[in-house]
Amino acid sequence: MKPMQYRKLADEVTDVLRRMILTGELRSERTTQDELAKLLQVSTTPVRESLLRLAAEGFVQIQPNRSFKLIPITRNDIHDIYWIHATLAGELTARACERTDDALLDVLEKHESLFLGYRQANDTAGMERSNWQFHAAINKAAESPKLLMVLLSSLRYIPDGFYALVKGWPTLSEQGHIDIIEAFRLHDPGKAREAAKSHVIEAGQLLIDYFSSTGYWTNPSA
């Protein structure tokens, strides 16, 4: 692994460790700060700060002697996270639809057009970026900053870049965007809410199916 570039190092370490836990790359039930520092080629200070943050987020449990224990993530956890995310995304989308105008529709159609272009070029990073921009435009238009803050907190449980790993996501995302745009054209907040909720729930099921196929689950009966 290459040495990390400085951003704020503790932030970068937190992001890397969170993703390693979520994708199953870090599977040892118990390890130490020193072992992680060596793996990431950093000092133990940012690792310790990172583990404290991850403990607050519910990913790890701090143990004596500078060690920590992973907290298992189950199917039900993923289901619950996406249910929360879908409920919040649906409400934000409905509120944005109530305020929609031609300018917002133009923005959404632009990002969807970019998404389709990236898909044709098989550019997953581009697809993820335009997908994020599509939903970010909706969330901004909802003008509900506190609700958005709660929604964004749920995103930490969704691995960065995981859509690149998941078969079927481009098709699902494209159809979800089409359904949301159609609801905005009709100025139908109820339809927009349901389109957004379905879009997120289906993405969550794709993630569950992917994790199942890789043998990710710590507790197979979860």
Protein backbone atom coordinates (compact mmCIF):
# COMPACT_ATOMS: atom_id res chain seq x y z
CA MET A 1 0.00 0.00 0.00
CA LYS A 2 1.31 3.46 -0.94
CA PRO A 3 1.90 6.02 1.83
CA MET A 4 -1.10 8.29 2.29
CA GLN A 5 -1.13 11.87 1.08
CA TYR A 6 -1.86 14.50 3.71
CA ARG A 7 -5.39 15.87 3.84
CA LYS A 8 -6.07 15.81 7.50
CA LEU A 9 -4.49 12.45 8.14
CA ALA A 10 -6.97 11.33 10.78
CA ASP A 11 -9.83 12.04 8.35
CA GLU A 12 -8.19 9.99 5.64
CA VAL A 13 -7.40 7.12 8.00
CA THR A 14 -11.00 7.12 9.22
CA ASP A 15 -12.33 6.95 5.66
CA VAL A 16 -9.93 4.16 4.70
CA LEU A 17 -10.63 2.04 7.78
CA ARG A 18 -14.39 2.55 7.49
CA ARG A 19 -14.32 1.38 3.89
CA MET A 20 -12.10 -1.60 4.75
CA ILE A 21 -14.59 -2.65 7.42
CA LEU A 22 -17.64 -2.16 5.19
CA THR A 23 -16.19 -4.05 2.24
CA GLY A 24 -14.81 -6.88 4.37
CA GLU A 25 -11.17 -6.10 3.62
CA LEU A 26 -10.59 -5.72 7.36
CA ARG A 27 -12.06 -8.85 8.89
CA SER A 28 -9.88 -9.66 11.89
CA GLU A 29 -12.13 -9.63 14.93
CA ARG A 30 -9.39 -8.12 17.03
CA THR A 31 -6.31 -6.09 16.06
CA THR A 32 -4.19 -3.28 17.47
CA GLN A 33 -3.41 0.34 16.71
CA ASP A 34 0.20 -0.60 16.01
CA GLU A 35 -0.82 -3.24 13.46
CA LEU A 36 -3.11 -0.81 11.66
CA ALA A 37 -0.51 1.95 11.69
CA LYS A 38 1.96 -0.41 10.07
CA LEU A 39 -0.61 -1.51 7.48
CA LEU A 40 -1.49 2.08 6.54
CA GLN A 41 2.09 3.39 6.87
CA VAL A 42 1.18 6.12 9.34
CA SER A 43 1.88 6.81 13.00
CA THR A 44 -0.40 5.48 15.72
CA THR A 45 -1.76 8.96 16.55
CA PRO A 46 -4.14 9.31 13.56
CA VAL A 47 -5.06 5.65 13.90
CA ARG A 48 -6.05 6.16 17.54
CA GLU A 49 -8.13 9.23 16.65
CA SER A 50 -9.73 7.33 13.79
CA LEU A 51 -10.68 4.38 16.00
CA LEU A 52 -12.32 6.71 18.50
CA ARG A 53 -14.43 8.16 15.69
CA LEU A 54 -15.32 4.72 14.37
CA ALA A 55 -16.28 3.63 17.88
CA ALA A 56 -18.68 6.59 18.08
CA GLU A 57 -20.14 5.52 14.71
CA GLY A 58 -20.66 1.96 15.93
CA PHE A 59 -18.08 0.21 13.76
CA VAL A 60 -15.59 -0.82 16.47
CA GLN A 61 -15.33 -1.34 20.19
CA ILE A 62 -12.22 -0.07 21.92
CA GLN A 63 -10.44 -2.72 24.00
CA PRO A 64 -7.58 -2.55 26.56
CA ASN A 65 -3.94 -2.62 25.45
CA ARG A 66 -4.41 -0.38 22.38
CA SER A 67 -6.56 -2.99 20.64
CA PHE A 68 -10.07 -2.90 19.22
CA LYS A 69 -12.81 -5.30 18.23
CA LEU A 70 -14.92 -5.07 15.08
CA ILE A 71 -18.66 -4.85 15.65
CA PRO A 72 -20.32 -7.26 13.18
CA ILE A 73 -22.53 -5.76 10.46
CA THR A 74 -25.54 -7.91 9.62
CA ARG A 75 -28.07 -8.07 6.82
CA ASN A 76 -30.57 -6.42 9.12
CA ASP A 77 -28.14 -3.56 9.75
CA ILE A 78 -27.82 -2.88 6.02
CA HIS A 79 -31.58 -3.18 5.57
CA ASP A 80 -32.19 -0.70 8.41
CA ILE A 81 -29.59 1.77 7.13
CA TYR A 82 -31.13 1.81 3.67
CA TRP A 83 -34.64 2.06 5.11
CA ILE A 84 -33.56 5.17 7.02
CA HIS A 85 -31.81 6.56 3.97
CA ALA A 86 -34.80 5.82 1.71
CA THR A 87 -37.25 7.48 4.09
CA LEU A 88 -35.14 10.64 4.35
CA ALA A 89 -34.34 10.72 0.63
CA GLY A 90 -38.01 10.31 -0.19
CA GLU A 91 -39.02 13.25 2.00
CA LEU A 92 -36.25 15.49 0.64
CA THR A 93 -37.20 14.58 -2.93
CA ALA A 94 -40.88 15.33 -2.28
CA ARG A 95 -39.99 18.72 -0.79
CA ALA A 96 -37.73 19.51 -3.75
CA CYS A 97 -40.54 18.51 -6.12
CA GLU A 98 -42.86 20.99 -4.43
CA ARG A 99 -40.32 23.72 -5.24
CA THR A 100 -39.31 22.43 -8.66
CA ASP A 101 -38.96 24.72 -11.65
CA ASP A 102 -37.52 24.51 -15.16
CA ALA A 103 -34.03 25.35 -13.89
CA LEU A 104 -33.96 22.38 -11.51
CA LEU A 105 -35.34 20.07 -14.19
CA ASP A 106 -32.59 21.24 -16.55
CA VAL A 107 -29.96 20.44 -13.89
CA LEU A 108 -31.36 16.97 -13.25
CA GLU A 109 -31.60 16.18 -16.96
CA LYS A 110 -28.03 17.41 -17.46
CA HIS A 111 -26.67 15.11 -14.76
CA GLU A 112 -28.69 12.19 -16.08
CA SER A 113 -27.35 12.83 -19.57
CA LEU A 114 -23.81 12.84 -18.16
CA PHE A 115 -24.58 9.60 -16.32
CA LEU A 116 -25.68 7.94 -19.55
CA GLY A 117 -22.56 9.14 -21.33
CA TYR A 118 -20.32 7.78 -18.60
CA ARG A 119 -22.24 4.51 -18.68
CA GLN A 120 -21.72 4.16 -22.41
CA ALA A 121 -18.00 4.79 -21.86
CA ASN A 122 -17.98 2.25 -18.99
CA ASP A 123 -16.65 4.98 -16.69
CA THR A 124 -17.85 3.90 -13.25
CA ALA A 125 -16.23 6.81 -11.44
CA GLY A 126 -18.01 9.22 -13.77
CA MET A 127 -21.32 7.44 -13.21
CA GLU A 128 -20.93 7.64 -9.45
CA ARG A 129 -20.00 11.31 -9.65
CA SER A 130 -22.97 12.26 -11.83
CA ASN A 131 -25.28 10.14 -9.67
CA TRP A 132 -24.08 12.02 -6.58
CA GLN A 133 -24.56 15.37 -8.36
CA PHE A 134 -28.09 14.38 -9.43
CA HIS A 135 -29.19 13.65 -5.88
CA ALA A 136 -27.21 16.56 -4.41
CA ALA A 137 -29.17 18.96 -6.63
CA ILE A 138 -32.44 17.52 -5.32
CA ASN A 139 -31.30 17.64 -1.71
CA LYS A 140 -30.21 21.26 -2.05
CA ALA A 141 -33.52 22.23 -3.64
CA ALA A 142 -35.43 20.70 -0.71
CA GLU A 143 -34.11 23.52 1.51
CA SER A 144 -34.17 21.30 4.60
CA PRO A 145 -30.61 21.46 5.97
CA LYS A 146 -31.24 19.59 9.22
CA LEU A 147 -32.98 16.72 7.44
CA LEU A 148 -30.15 16.63 4.91
CA MET A 149 -27.58 16.52 7.72
CA VAL A 150 -29.23 13.39 9.13
CA LEU A 151 -29.37 11.79 5.68
CA LEU A 152 -25.68 12.49 5.08
CA SER A 153 -24.80 10.84 8.39
CA SER A 154 -26.32 7.60 7.10
CA LEU A 155 -24.02 7.63 4.08
CA ARG A 156 -21.03 6.67 6.21
CA TYR A 157 -22.44 3.13 6.27
CA ILE A 158 -22.37 2.91 2.47
CA PRO A 159 -18.87 2.09 1.15
CA ASP A 160 -17.30 4.72 -1.09
CA GLY A 161 -17.16 3.43 -4.64
CA PHE A 162 -19.10 0.27 -3.82
CA TYR A 163 -21.34 0.71 -6.87
CA ALA A 164 -18.35 -0.17 -9.03
CA LEU A 165 -18.51 -3.62 -7.46
CA VAL A 166 -22.24 -4.19 -7.83
CA LYS A 167 -23.70 -5.75 -10.97
CA GLY A 168 -26.96 -4.15 -12.01
CA TRP A 169 -26.40 -0.77 -10.37
CA PRO A 170 -26.12 1.28 -13.62
CA THR A 171 -29.47 -0.03 -14.91
CA LEU A 172 -31.15 0.49 -11.55
CA SER A 173 -29.74 4.00 -11.20
CA GLU A 174 -30.76 5.01 -14.72
CA GLN A 175 -34.36 3.87 -14.20
CA GLY A 176 -34.54 5.50 -10.78
CA HIS A 177 -33.46 8.82 -12.21
CA ILE A 178 -36.00 8.54 -15.04
CA ASP A 179 -38.80 7.91 -12.54
CA ILE A 180 -37.77 10.85 -10.35
CA ILE A 181 -37.47 13.24 -13.30
CA GLU A 182 -40.90 12.19 -14.55
CA ALA A 183 -42.41 12.93 -11.14
CA PHE A 184 -40.76 16.37 -11.17
CA ARG A 185 -42.15 17.06 -14.64
CA LEU A 186 -45.63 16.24 -13.33
CA HIS A 187 -45.04 18.31 -10.18
CA ASP A 188 -46.19 15.28 -8.18
CA PRO A 189 -44.44 15.24 -4.76
CA GLY A 190 -46.05 11.95 -3.74
CA LYS A 191 -44.81 10.19 -6.86
CA ALA A 192 -41.38 11.78 -6.38
CA ARG A 193 -41.22 10.51 -2.80
CA GLU A 194 -42.07 6.94 -3.79
CA ALA A 195 -39.66 6.98 -6.75
CA ALA A 196 -36.80 8.12 -4.53
CA LYS A 197 -37.62 5.62 -1.78
CA SER A 198 -37.82 2.71 -4.23
CA HIS A 199 -34.58 3.82 -5.85
CA VAL A 200 -32.70 3.69 -2.53
CA ILE A 201 -34.31 0.46 -1.26
CA GLU A 202 -33.39 -1.32 -4.50
CA ALA A 203 -29.79 -0.08 -4.20
CA GLY A 204 -29.70 -1.45 -0.65
CA GLN A 205 -30.88 -4.85 -1.86
CA LEU A 206 -28.12 -4.86 -4.47
CA LEU A 207 -25.58 -4.23 -1.71
CA ILE A 208 -27.04 -7.02 0.44
CA ASP A 209 -26.93 -9.40 -2.54
CA TYR A 210 -23.32 -8.42 -3.27
CA PHE A 211 -22.21 -8.95 0.33
CA SER A 212 -24.01 -12.29 0.40
CA SER A 213 -22.20 -13.42 -2.74
CA THR A 214 -18.80 -12.60 -1.21
CA GLY A 215 -19.44 -14.38 2.10
CA TYR A 216 -19.21 -11.08 3.94
CA TRP A 217 -21.62 -11.69 6.77
CA THR A 218 -20.01 -12.38 10.14
CA ASN A 219 -23.22 -14.01 11.31
CA PRO A 220 -24.66 -16.08 8.43
CA SER A 221 -28.01 -16.38 10.20
CA ALA A 222 -28.41 -12.60 10.56
